[in-house]
Amino acid sequence: MRLDESSPANQDVLAFVRSVLGDRPALAAPDSVADPYYGQGSHPEVVERVWDQLGKVLPADCRCLVHGTPALVHPTAGVVLAFSLGTRFYVRRPSGGPESEEAAVGLGPAWALGEWSSDEAQWCAAAYGELDPRDRPAA
């Protein structure tokens, strides 16, 4: 697993997360902390949504901590696909994807504020596939 901190696709996300959580390690494994579901500043149901529900549609385990918050990161491209903060979560939309009713303020048009919609898993899978077509998950 890697995090591409220089990728333009990650710039707004990383700045946003750092502005909320401060400067924590850029990338860490979930098992590097005592309790990643309860101890990383996100509500456990939101962490479950990102890691267990959205993450299960991806062909590889993408779970990690990005600057201390639970996230999904494409393992080879190093691009953040989804992340949680507090009681909210954010999902990368595929390019050309539909506009979200709840835009993720400060993150640009590629991001949607999570709404617990069934579309979010499809967005996450499509965004993953755009990063490496060989890794396209089954629809």
Protein backbone atom coordinates (compact mmCIF):
# COMPACT_ATOMS: atom_id res chain seq x y z
CA MET A 1 0.00 0.00 0.00
CA ARG A 2 1.22 3.47 -0.79
CA LEU A 3 -0.13 7.01 -0.59
CA ASP A 4 0.85 9.34 -3.43
CA GLU A 5 1.12 12.63 -1.59
CA SER A 6 2.20 14.44 -4.76
CA SER A 7 -0.80 13.35 -6.85
CA PRO A 8 -3.11 16.23 -7.80
CA ALA A 9 -5.98 13.83 -7.07
CA ASN A 10 -4.95 13.77 -3.41
CA GLN A 11 -3.97 17.39 -2.77
CA ASP A 12 -7.34 18.71 -1.56
CA VAL A 13 -8.10 15.56 0.44
CA LEU A 14 -4.80 15.51 2.28
CA ALA A 15 -4.96 19.25 3.03
CA PHE A 16 -8.52 18.85 4.32
CA VAL A 17 -7.69 15.91 6.58
CA ARG A 18 -4.56 17.58 7.93
CA SER A 19 -6.54 20.78 8.65
CA VAL A 20 -8.88 18.77 10.88
CA LEU A 21 -6.54 16.22 12.45
CA GLY A 22 -3.16 17.90 12.35
CA ASP A 23 -0.01 16.36 11.02
CA ARG A 24 -0.18 12.65 11.80
CA PRO A 25 1.65 9.91 9.86
CA ALA A 26 0.60 10.10 6.22
CA LEU A 27 -0.15 6.38 5.92
CA ALA A 28 -0.59 3.63 8.49
CA ALA A 29 -2.10 0.16 8.59
CA PRO A 30 -5.37 -0.29 10.49
CA ASP A 31 -3.67 -2.69 12.89
CA SER A 32 -1.05 -0.07 13.79
CA VAL A 33 -3.45 1.38 16.38
CA ALA A 34 -5.22 -0.24 19.31
CA ASP A 35 -8.77 0.19 17.96
CA PRO A 36 -9.17 1.73 14.51
CA TYR A 37 -12.98 1.61 14.60
CA TYR A 38 -13.35 3.50 17.87
CA GLY A 39 -10.11 5.37 18.43
CA GLN A 40 -9.43 7.44 15.30
CA GLY A 41 -11.89 10.29 15.64
CA SER A 42 -14.63 8.85 13.45
CA HIS A 43 -17.91 7.34 14.56
CA PRO A 44 -17.59 3.53 14.34
CA GLU A 45 -20.63 3.26 12.03
CA VAL A 46 -18.95 5.65 9.60
CA VAL A 47 -15.72 3.64 9.72
CA GLU A 48 -17.78 0.49 9.08
CA ARG A 49 -19.45 2.20 6.10
CA VAL A 50 -16.13 3.15 4.52
CA TRP A 51 -14.04 0.08 5.30
CA ASP A 52 -16.57 -2.75 5.41
CA GLN A 53 -19.35 -1.69 3.07
CA LEU A 54 -17.62 0.43 0.43
CA GLY A 55 -14.32 -1.44 0.73
CA LYS A 56 -15.90 -4.83 0.12
CA VAL A 57 -16.67 -3.99 -3.53
CA LEU A 58 -12.99 -3.41 -4.31
CA PRO A 59 -10.74 -6.22 -5.61
CA ALA A 60 -7.99 -5.52 -3.05
CA ASP A 61 -7.90 -4.57 0.60
CA CYS A 62 -7.62 -0.78 0.50
CA ARG A 63 -8.18 -0.08 4.21
CA CYS A 64 -5.65 2.20 5.89
CA LEU A 65 -5.30 5.28 8.03
CA VAL A 66 -4.52 8.50 6.18
CA HIS A 67 -3.20 11.15 8.55
CA GLY A 68 -4.96 9.21 11.29
CA THR A 69 -8.40 8.83 9.73
CA PRO A 70 -9.87 5.61 8.31
CA ALA A 71 -9.70 5.62 4.52
CA LEU A 72 -9.64 3.52 1.37
CA VAL A 73 -6.60 4.08 -0.83
CA HIS A 74 -5.91 2.45 -4.20
CA PRO A 75 -2.96 0.15 -3.34
CA THR A 76 -0.83 0.86 -6.40
CA ALA A 77 -1.94 4.32 -7.57
CA GLY A 78 -1.91 5.67 -4.01
CA VAL A 79 -5.05 7.74 -4.54
CA VAL A 80 -7.66 8.15 -1.79
CA LEU A 81 -11.03 6.65 -2.75
CA ALA A 82 -13.01 7.30 0.43
CA PHE A 83 -12.39 8.48 3.98
CA SER A 84 -14.18 9.27 7.21
CA LEU A 85 -14.01 12.22 9.59
CA GLY A 86 -16.15 12.44 12.70
CA THR A 87 -19.71 11.51 11.81
CA ARG A 88 -19.23 12.03 8.06
CA PHE A 89 -17.63 10.18 5.21
CA TYR A 90 -16.57 11.22 1.73
CA VAL A 91 -16.51 9.22 -1.51
CA ARG A 92 -14.58 9.91 -4.70
CA ARG A 93 -16.90 9.94 -7.70
CA PRO A 94 -15.69 8.56 -11.01
CA SER A 95 -14.89 11.11 -13.68
CA GLY A 96 -17.98 12.08 -15.59
CA GLY A 97 -20.09 10.71 -12.75
CA PRO A 98 -23.34 12.26 -11.59
CA GLU A 99 -23.32 15.36 -9.44
CA SER A 100 -24.10 14.72 -5.82
CA GLU A 101 -26.85 16.59 -4.03
CA GLU A 102 -24.38 16.91 -1.15
CA ALA A 103 -21.14 18.19 -2.63
CA ALA A 104 -18.11 17.79 -0.42
CA VAL A 105 -17.30 21.41 0.34
CA GLY A 106 -13.63 22.19 -0.12
CA LEU A 107 -12.80 18.95 -1.90
CA GLY A 108 -13.87 19.79 -5.43
CA PRO A 109 -16.27 18.12 -7.85
CA ALA A 110 -14.61 14.69 -7.65
CA TRP A 111 -15.94 14.24 -4.11
CA ALA A 112 -19.33 13.67 -2.56
CA LEU A 113 -20.34 13.85 1.06
CA GLY A 114 -21.57 10.37 1.94
CA GLU A 115 -25.32 9.93 2.11
CA TRP A 116 -25.48 6.14 2.73
CA SER A 117 -26.67 5.78 -0.87
CA SER A 118 -26.40 2.51 -2.78
CA ASP A 119 -24.64 4.50 -5.54
CA GLU A 120 -21.59 5.15 -3.35
CA ALA A 121 -20.20 1.61 -3.65
CA GLN A 122 -20.52 1.87 -7.45
CA TRP A 123 -18.71 5.23 -7.45
CA CYS A 124 -15.93 3.83 -5.32
CA ALA A 125 -15.54 0.77 -7.57
CA ALA A 126 -15.60 2.88 -10.74
CA ALA A 127 -13.04 5.34 -9.33
CA TYR A 128 -10.82 2.37 -8.40
CA GLY A 129 -11.08 0.99 -11.94
CA GLU A 130 -10.21 4.35 -13.50
CA LEU A 131 -6.89 4.37 -11.66
CA ASP A 132 -5.77 1.02 -13.08
CA PRO A 133 -8.00 -0.59 -15.72
CA ARG A 134 -6.42 -3.99 -14.98
CA ASP A 135 -7.93 -3.73 -11.51
CA ARG A 136 -11.51 -3.05 -12.54
CA PRO A 137 -13.81 -4.64 -9.97
CA ALA A 138 -16.81 -6.64 -11.11
CA ALA A 139 -19.92 -4.45 -11.28
